[in-house]
PDB file of N, CA and C in Angstrom:
ATOM      1  N   MET A   1     177.262 152.336 195.253  1.00  0.00           N
ATOM      2  CA  MET A   1     177.341 151.564 196.463  1.00  0.00           C
ATOM      3  C   MET A   1     176.026 151.611 197.230  1.00  0.00           C
ATOM      4  N   THR A   2     175.079 152.346 196.767  1.00  0.00           N
ATOM      5  CA  THR A   2     173.811 152.429 197.466  1.00  0.00           C
ATOM      6  C   THR A   2     173.145 151.073 197.504  1.00  0.00           C
ATOM      7  N   GLY A   3     172.575 150.759 198.660  1.00  0.00           N
ATOM      8  CA  GLY A   3     171.829 149.524 198.786  1.00  0.00           C
ATOM      9  C   GLY A   3     172.665 148.314 199.161  1.00  0.00           C
ATOM     10  N   LEU A   4     173.943 148.490 199.396  1.00  0.00           N
ATOM     11  CA  LEU A   4     174.752 147.346 199.795  1.00  0.00           C
ATOM     12  C   LEU A   4     174.358 146.896 201.177  1.00  0.00           C
ATOM     13  N   ARG A   5     174.271 145.598 201.370  1.00  0.00           N
ATOM     14  CA  ARG A   5     173.952 145.043 202.678  1.00  0.00           C
ATOM     15  C   ARG A   5     175.208 144.400 203.225  1.00  0.00           C
ATOM     16  N   PRO A   6     175.500 144.625 204.510  1.00  0.00           N
ATOM     17  CA  PRO A   6     176.689 144.011 205.099  1.00  0.00           C
ATOM     18  C   PRO A   6     176.655 142.495 204.951  1.00  0.00           C
ATOM     19  N   VAL A   7     177.822 141.917 204.778  1.00  0.00           N
ATOM     20  CA  VAL A   7     177.947 140.472 204.667  1.00  0.00           C
ATOM     21  C   VAL A   7     177.314 139.811 205.875  1.00  0.00           C
ATOM     22  N   GLY A   8     176.461 138.824 205.636  1.00  0.00           N
ATOM     23  CA  GLY A   8     175.867 138.065 206.731  1.00  0.00           C
ATOM     24  C   GLY A   8     174.666 138.718 207.373  1.00  0.00           C
ATOM     25  N   SER A   9     174.246 139.891 206.907  1.00  0.00           N
ATOM     26  CA  SER A   9     173.090 140.526 207.523  1.00  0.00           C
ATOM     27  C   SER A   9     171.824 139.988 206.882  1.00  0.00           C
ATOM     28  N   SER A  10     170.741 140.168 207.568  1.00  0.00           N
ATOM     29  CA  SER A  10     169.462 139.745 207.045  1.00  0.00           C
ATOM     30  C   SER A  10     168.524 140.917 207.049  1.00  0.00           C
ATOM     31  N   SER A  11     167.428 140.797 206.308  1.00  0.00           N
ATOM     32  CA  SER A  11     166.462 141.873 206.297  1.00  0.00           C
ATOM     33  C   SER A  11     165.755 141.989 207.636  1.00  0.00           C
ATOM     34  N   ALA A  12     165.836 140.942 208.471  1.00  0.00           N
ATOM     35  CA  ALA A  12     165.210 140.965 209.787  1.00  0.00           C
ATOM     36  C   ALA A  12     165.941 141.897 210.735  1.00  0.00           C
ATOM     37  N   GLY A  13     167.221 142.152 210.514  1.00  0.00           N
ATOM     38  CA  GLY A  13     167.996 143.070 211.335  1.00  0.00           C
ATOM     39  C   GLY A  13     168.344 142.478 212.681  1.00  0.00           C
ATOM     40  N   GLY A  14     168.398 143.344 213.689  1.00  0.00           N
ATOM     41  CA  GLY A  14     168.720 142.898 215.036  1.00  0.00           C
ATOM     42  C   GLY A  14     170.207 142.793 215.266  1.00  0.00           C
ATOM     43  N   PRO A  15     170.579 142.115 216.364  1.00  0.00           N
ATOM     44  CA  PRO A  15     171.999 142.021 216.737  1.00  0.00           C
ATOM     45  C   PRO A  15     172.867 141.388 215.651  1.00  0.00           C
ATOM     46  N   SER A  16     172.336 140.432 214.889  1.00  0.00           N
ATOM     47  CA  SER A  16     173.159 139.815 213.848  1.00  0.00           C
ATOM     48  C   SER A  16     173.535 140.830 212.775  1.00  0.00           C
ATOM     49  N   ALA A  17     172.631 141.759 212.475  1.00  0.00           N
ATOM     50  CA  ALA A  17     172.942 142.795 211.489  1.00  0.00           C
ATOM     51  C   ALA A  17     174.006 143.736 212.026  1.00  0.00           C
ATOM     52  N   SER A  18     173.937 144.039 213.314  1.00  0.00           N
ATOM     53  CA  SER A  18     174.945 144.910 213.932  1.00  0.00           C
ATOM     54  C   SER A  18     176.313 144.232 213.898  1.00  0.00           C
ATOM     55  N   ARG A  19     176.362 142.951 214.205  1.00  0.00           N
ATOM     56  CA  ARG A  19     177.635 142.214 214.156  1.00  0.00           C
ATOM     57  C   ARG A  19     178.145 142.164 212.721  1.00  0.00           C
ATOM     58  N   ALA A  20     177.237 141.972 211.770  1.00  0.00           N
ATOM     59  CA  ALA A  20     177.640 141.926 210.375  1.00  0.00           C
ATOM     60  C   ALA A  20     178.225 143.259 209.941  1.00  0.00           C
ATOM     61  N   ALA A  21     177.615 144.353 210.404  1.00  0.00           N
ATOM     62  CA  ALA A  21     178.144 145.676 210.070  1.00  0.00           C
ATOM     63  C   ALA A  21     179.528 145.872 210.673  1.00  0.00           C
ATOM     64  N   ASP A  22     179.718 145.414 211.912  1.00  0.00           N
ATOM     65  CA  ASP A  22     181.043 145.501 212.542  1.00  0.00           C
ATOM     66  C   ASP A  22     182.076 144.740 211.725  1.00  0.00           C
ATOM     67  N   THR A  23     181.710 143.538 211.290  1.00  0.00           N
ATOM     68  CA  THR A  23     182.606 142.709 210.491  1.00  0.00           C
ATOM     69  C   THR A  23     182.942 143.397 209.170  1.00  0.00           C
ATOM     70  N   GLU A  24     181.922 143.982 208.538  1.00  0.00           N
ATOM     71  CA  GLU A  24     182.137 144.667 207.271  1.00  0.00           C
ATOM     72  C   GLU A  24     183.036 145.893 207.451  1.00  0.00           C
ATOM     73  N   LEU A  25     182.824 146.646 208.532  1.00  0.00           N
ATOM     74  CA  LEU A  25     183.671 147.810 208.800  1.00  0.00           C
ATOM     75  C   LEU A  25     185.122 147.396 209.024  1.00  0.00           C
ATOM     76  N   GLU A  26     185.340 146.297 209.735  1.00  0.00           N
ATOM     77  CA  GLU A  26     186.704 145.799 209.936  1.00  0.00           C
ATOM     78  C   GLU A  26     187.343 145.436 208.603  1.00  0.00           C
ATOM     79  N   ARG A  27     186.577 144.762 207.744  1.00  0.00           N
ATOM     80  CA  ARG A  27     187.082 144.361 206.422  1.00  0.00           C
ATOM     81  C   ARG A  27     187.446 145.597 205.601  1.00  0.00           C
ATOM     82  N   VAL A  28     186.561 146.582 205.608  1.00  0.00           N
ATOM     83  CA  VAL A  28     186.802 147.807 204.846  1.00  0.00           C
ATOM     84  C   VAL A  28     188.043 148.534 205.374  1.00  0.00           C
ATOM     85  N   ALA A  29     188.167 148.627 206.705  1.00  0.00           N
ATOM     86  CA  ALA A  29     189.319 149.317 207.302  1.00  0.00           C
ATOM     87  C   ALA A  29     190.625 148.619 206.943  1.00  0.00           C
ATOM     88  N   LEU A  30     190.628 147.293 206.981  1.00  0.00           N
ATOM     89  CA  LEU A  30     191.850 146.558 206.624  1.00  0.00           C
ATOM     90  C   LEU A  30     192.214 146.788 205.158  1.00  0.00           C
ATOM     91  N   ARG A  31     191.218 146.751 204.288  1.00  0.00           N
ATOM     92  CA  ARG A  31     191.477 146.964 202.858  1.00  0.00           C
ATOM     93  C   ARG A  31     191.946 148.398 202.598  1.00  0.00           C
ATOM     94  N   TRP A  32     191.299 149.340 203.266  1.00  0.00           N
ATOM     95  CA  TRP A  32     191.662 150.763 203.114  1.00  0.00           C
ATOM     96  C   TRP A  32     193.129 150.968 203.467  1.00  0.00           C
ATOM     97  N   ALA A  33     193.584 150.342 204.528  1.00  0.00           N
ATOM     98  CA  ALA A  33     194.970 150.486 204.983  1.00  0.00           C
ATOM     99  C   ALA A  33     195.968 149.912 203.978  1.00  0.00           C
ATOM    100  N   GLN A  34     195.511 149.008 203.117  1.00  0.00           N
ATOM    101  CA  GLN A  34     196.397 148.381 202.134  1.00  0.00           C
ATOM    102  C   GLN A  34     196.522 149.187 200.848  1.00  0.00           C
ATOM    103  N   LEU A  35     195.613 150.128 200.636  1.00  0.00           N
ATOM    104  CA  LEU A  35     195.623 150.880 199.385  1.00  0.00           C
ATOM    105  C   LEU A  35     196.757 151.899 199.343  1.00  0.00           C
ATOM    106  N   PRO A  36     197.365 152.068 198.175  1.00  0.00           N
ATOM    107  CA  PRO A  36     198.298 153.178 198.017  1.00  0.00           C
ATOM    108  C   PRO A  36     197.537 154.494 198.228  1.00  0.00           C
ATOM    109  N   VAL A  37     198.215 155.527 198.681  1.00  0.00           N
ATOM    110  CA  VAL A  37     197.554 156.778 199.032  1.00  0.00           C
ATOM    111  C   VAL A  37     196.716 157.339 197.885  1.00  0.00           C
ATOM    112  N   ASP A  38     197.241 157.350 196.673  1.00  0.00           N
ATOM    113  CA  ASP A  38     196.491 157.932 195.563  1.00  0.00           C
ATOM    114  C   ASP A  38     195.178 157.188 195.317  1.00  0.00           C
ATOM    115  N   ARG A  39     195.196 155.873 195.411  1.00  0.00           N
ATOM    116  CA  ARG A  39     193.955 155.096 195.234  1.00  0.00           C
ATOM    117  C   ARG A  39     193.020 155.298 196.406  1.00  0.00           C
ATOM    118  N   ALA A  40     193.565 155.396 197.608  1.00  0.00           N
ATOM    119  CA  ALA A  40     192.721 155.609 198.794  1.00  0.00           C
ATOM    120  C   ALA A  40     191.994 156.960 198.681  1.00  0.00           C
ATOM    121  N   LEU A  41     192.700 157.979 198.239  1.00  0.00           N
ATOM    122  CA  LEU A  41     192.075 159.285 198.099  1.00  0.00           C
ATOM    123  C   LEU A  41     190.978 159.284 197.039  1.00  0.00           C
ATOM    124  N   ARG A  42     191.213 158.586 195.926  1.00  0.00           N
ATOM    125  CA  ARG A  42     190.188 158.491 194.883  1.00  0.00           C
ATOM    126  C   ARG A  42     188.970 157.712 195.371  1.00  0.00           C
ATOM    127  N   ALA A  43     189.187 156.730 196.224  1.00  0.00           N
ATOM    128  CA  ALA A  43     188.098 155.883 196.708  1.00  0.00           C
ATOM    129  C   ALA A  43     187.344 156.489 197.888  1.00  0.00           C
ATOM    130  N   TYR A  44     187.861 157.570 198.448  1.00  0.00           N
ATOM    131  CA  TYR A  44     187.273 158.125 199.669  1.00  0.00           C
ATOM    132  C   TYR A  44     185.770 158.429 199.572  1.00  0.00           C
ATOM    133  N   PRO A  45     185.289 159.086 198.509  1.00  0.00           N
ATOM    134  CA  PRO A  45     183.843 159.391 198.463  1.00  0.00           C
ATOM    135  C   PRO A  45     182.974 158.121 198.536  1.00  0.00           C
ATOM    136  N   ALA A  46     183.358 157.091 197.810  1.00  0.00           N
ATOM    137  CA  ALA A  46     182.595 155.843 197.851  1.00  0.00           C
ATOM    138  C   ALA A  46     182.713 155.168 199.209  1.00  0.00           C
ATOM    139  N   LEU A  47     183.892 155.230 199.797  1.00  0.00           N
ATOM    140  CA  LEU A  47     184.091 154.648 201.130  1.00  0.00           C
ATOM    141  C   LEU A  47     183.221 155.357 202.160  1.00  0.00           C
ATOM    142  N   ARG A  48     183.190 156.664 202.107  1.00  0.00           N
ATOM    143  CA  ARG A  48     182.381 157.418 203.062  1.00  0.00           C
ATOM    144  C   ARG A  48     180.903 157.077 202.924  1.00  0.00           C
ATOM    145  N   ARG A  49     180.428 156.940 201.682  1.00  0.00           N
ATOM    146  CA  ARG A  49     179.020 156.553 201.467  1.00  0.00           C
ATOM    147  C   ARG A  49     178.750 155.178 202.067  1.00  0.00           C
ATOM    148  N   LEU A  50     179.663 154.230 201.856  1.00  0.00           N
ATOM    149  CA  LEU A  50     179.490 152.884 202.383  1.00  0.00           C
ATOM    150  C   LEU A  50     179.450 152.900 203.911  1.00  0.00           C
ATOM    151  N   VAL A  51     180.367 153.614 204.531  1.00  0.00           N
ATOM    152  CA  VAL A  51     180.403 153.683 205.990  1.00  0.00           C
ATOM    153  C   VAL A  51     179.120 154.318 206.520  1.00  0.00           C
ATOM    154  N   GLN A  52     178.624 155.359 205.841  1.00  0.00           N
ATOM    155  CA  GLN A  52     177.384 156.004 206.278  1.00  0.00           C
ATOM    156  C   GLN A  52     176.206 155.035 206.137  1.00  0.00           C
ATOM    157  N   GLU A  53     176.175 154.268 205.038  1.00  0.00           N
ATOM    158  CA  GLU A  53     175.099 153.290 204.876  1.00  0.00           C
ATOM    159  C   GLU A  53     175.145 152.231 205.965  1.00  0.00           C
ATOM    160  N   LEU A  54     176.333 151.761 206.307  1.00  0.00           N
ATOM    161  CA  LEU A  54     176.457 150.779 207.391  1.00  0.00           C
ATOM    162  C   LEU A  54     176.005 151.368 208.718  1.00  0.00           C
ATOM    163  N   ALA A  55     176.387 152.615 208.980  1.00  0.00           N
ATOM    164  CA  ALA A  55     175.976 153.274 210.222  1.00  0.00           C
ATOM    165  C   ALA A  55     174.466 153.464 210.263  1.00  0.00           C
ATOM    166  N   ASP A  56     173.879 153.897 209.160  1.00  0.00           N
ATOM    167  CA  ASP A  56     172.431 154.105 209.097  1.00  0.00           C
ATOM    168  C   ASP A  56     171.673 152.805 209.301  1.00  0.00           C
ATOM    169  N   GLU A  57     172.129 151.741 208.643  1.00  0.00           N
ATOM    170  CA  GLU A  57     171.460 150.446 208.776  1.00  0.00           C
ATOM    171  C   GLU A  57     171.575 149.919 210.204  1.00  0.00           C
ATOM    172  N   THR A  58     172.743 150.059 210.801  1.00  0.00           N
ATOM    173  CA  THR A  58     172.917 149.612 212.176  1.00  0.00           C
ATOM    174  C   THR A  58     172.020 150.407 213.121  1.00  0.00           C
ATOM    175  N   ALA A  59     171.944 151.720 212.919  1.00  0.00           N
ATOM    176  CA  ALA A  59     171.056 152.551 213.746  1.00  0.00           C
ATOM    177  C   ALA A  59     169.607 152.116 213.576  1.00  0.00           C
ATOM    178  N   ARG A  60     169.213 151.846 212.349  1.00  0.00           N
ATOM    179  CA  ARG A  60     167.831 151.454 212.075  1.00  0.00           C
ATOM    180  C   ARG A  60     167.472 150.161 212.797  1.00  0.00           C
ATOM    181  N   VAL A  61     168.320 149.139 212.674  1.00  0.00           N
ATOM    182  CA  VAL A  61     167.987 147.831 213.246  1.00  0.00           C
ATOM    183  C   VAL A  61     168.133 147.791 214.757  1.00  0.00           C
ATOM    184  N   THR A  62     168.887 148.725 215.314  1.00  0.00           N
ATOM    185  CA  THR A  62     169.045 148.744 216.770  1.00  0.00           C
ATOM    186  C   THR A  62     168.182 149.801 217.434  1.00  0.00           C
ATOM    187  N   GLY A  63     167.426 150.548 216.633  1.00  0.00           N
ATOM    188  CA  GLY A  63     166.533 151.554 217.175  1.00  0.00           C
ATOM    189  C   GLY A  63     167.224 152.811 217.665  1.00  0.00           C
ATOM    190  N   GLN A  64     168.430 153.055 217.189  1.00  0.00           N
ATOM    191  CA  GLN A  64     169.188 154.243 217.580  1.00  0.00           C
ATOM    192  C   GLN A  64     168.968 155.349 216.547  1.00  0.00           C
ATOM    193  N   PRO A  65     169.146 156.615 216.953  1.00  0.00           N
ATOM    194  CA  PRO A  65     169.024 157.695 215.969  1.00  0.00           C
ATOM    195  C   PRO A  65     170.185 157.653 214.970  1.00  0.00           C
ATOM    196  N   GLN A  66     169.880 158.017 213.737  1.00  0.00           N
ATOM    197  CA  GLN A  66     170.931 158.066 212.724  1.00  0.00           C
ATOM    198  C   GLN A  66     171.755 159.339 212.915  1.00  0.00           C
ATOM    199  N   GLU A  67     173.055 159.211 212.754  1.00  0.00           N
ATOM    200  CA  GLU A  67     173.966 160.343 212.854  1.00  0.00           C
ATOM    201  C   GLU A  67     174.909 160.310 211.664  1.00  0.00           C
ATOM    202  N   ALA A  68     175.388 161.464 211.273  1.00  0.00           N
ATOM    203  CA  ALA A  68     176.335 161.537 210.165  1.00  0.00           C
ATOM    204  C   ALA A  68     177.685 160.999 210.607  1.00  0.00           C
ATOM    205  N   SER A  69     178.316 160.247 209.710  1.00  0.00           N
ATOM    206  CA  SER A  69     179.660 159.774 209.999  1.00  0.00           C
ATOM    207  C   SER A  69     180.625 160.951 209.840  1.00  0.00           C
ATOM    208  N   PRO A  70     181.801 160.863 210.465  1.00  0.00           N
ATOM    209  CA  PRO A  70     182.777 161.972 210.330  1.00  0.00           C
ATOM    210  C   PRO A  70     183.095 162.239 208.869  1.00  0.00           C
ATOM    211  N   THR A  71     183.274 163.498 208.534  1.00  0.00           N
ATOM    212  CA  THR A  71     183.513 163.867 207.140  1.00  0.00           C
ATOM    213  C   THR A  71     184.968 164.151 206.834  1.00  0.00           C
ATOM    214  N   SER A  72     185.788 164.252 207.846  1.00  0.00           N
ATOM    215  CA  SER A  72     187.189 164.561 207.587  1.00  0.00           C
ATOM    216  C   SER A  72     188.051 163.327 207.754  1.00  0.00           C
ATOM    217  N   VAL A  73     189.111 163.307 207.005  1.00  0.00           N
ATOM    218  CA  VAL A  73     190.091 162.226 207.098  1.00  0.00           C
ATOM    219  C   VAL A  73     191.385 162.847 207.570  1.00  0.00           C
ATOM    220  N   ARG A  74     191.947 162.293 208.595  1.00  0.00           N
ATOM    221  CA  ARG A  74     193.224 162.805 209.091  1.00  0.00           C
ATOM    222  C   ARG A  74     194.334 162.032 208.384  1.00  0.00           C
ATOM    223  N   PRO A  75     195.072 162.692 207.514  1.00  0.00           N
ATOM    224  CA  PRO A  75     196.135 161.991 206.781  1.00  0.00           C
ATOM    225  C   PRO A  75     197.183 161.420 207.730  1.00  0.00           C
ATOM    226  N   TRP A  76     197.687 160.295 207.372  1.00  0.00           N
ATOM    227  CA  TRP A  76     198.733 159.649 208.133  1.00  0.00           C
ATOM    228  C   TRP A  76     199.935 159.485 207.228  1.00  0.00           C
ATOM    229  N   SER A  77     201.088 159.709 207.774  1.00  0.00           N
ATOM    230  CA  SER A  77     202.317 159.419 207.029  1.00  0.00           C
ATOM    231  C   SER A  77     203.360 158.929 208.017  1.00  0.00           C
ATOM    232  N   SER A  78     204.336 158.234 207.500  1.00  0.00           N
ATOM    233  CA  SER A  78     205.388 157.699 208.360  1.00  0.00           C
ATOM    234  C   SER A  78     206.185 158.820 209.020  1.00  0.00           C
ATOM    235  N   THR A  79     206.180 160.003 208.415  1.00  0.00           N
ATOM    236  CA  THR A  79     206.920 161.118 208.999  1.00  0.00           C
ATOM    237  C   THR A  79     206.170 161.774 210.157  1.00  0.00           C
ATOM    238  N   SER A  80     204.879 161.470 210.296  1.00  0.00           N
ATOM    239  CA  SER A  80     204.098 162.094 211.376  1.00  0.00           C
ATOM    240  C   SER A  80     204.160 161.281 212.660  1.00  0.00           C
ATOM    241  N   CYS A  81     204.914 160.214 212.655  1.00  0.00           N
ATOM    242  CA  CYS A  81     205.006 159.329 213.823  1.00  0.00           C
ATOM    243  C   CYS A  81     206.306 159.575 214.572  1.00  0.00           C
ATOM    244  N   GLY A  82     206.351 160.659 215.301  1.00  0.00           N
ATOM    245  CA  GLY A  82     207.488 161.035 216.136  1.00  0.00           C
ATOM    246  C   GLY A  82     208.754 160.481 215.744  1.00  0.00           C
TER     247      GLY A  82
END
C-alpha cells in the first residue's frame, strides 16, 4: 500500500489534497464497517499503514507536523451496546 495517493489528490497538494484525504478516509471507514470481523482483523495492518500514509500526506501538504496514528483498535460488538 505504500505510495498510494488519495483519490482526487494532486502532487501540488494544498486544500484539495486534504479534502481528498478526508474523502478517502470516509470511504475506507465505510468499507471497514462492512467487513466481517475475521477479514477486518486480517486487513488491519494494511489499513493502519494506509491511514498513516493519508495522515502523513495531509500533514505534509498543510504544513503540520506528522504524528503517529492510533495503534489500538477498540473492538465493537453488538453485546457491548448496553
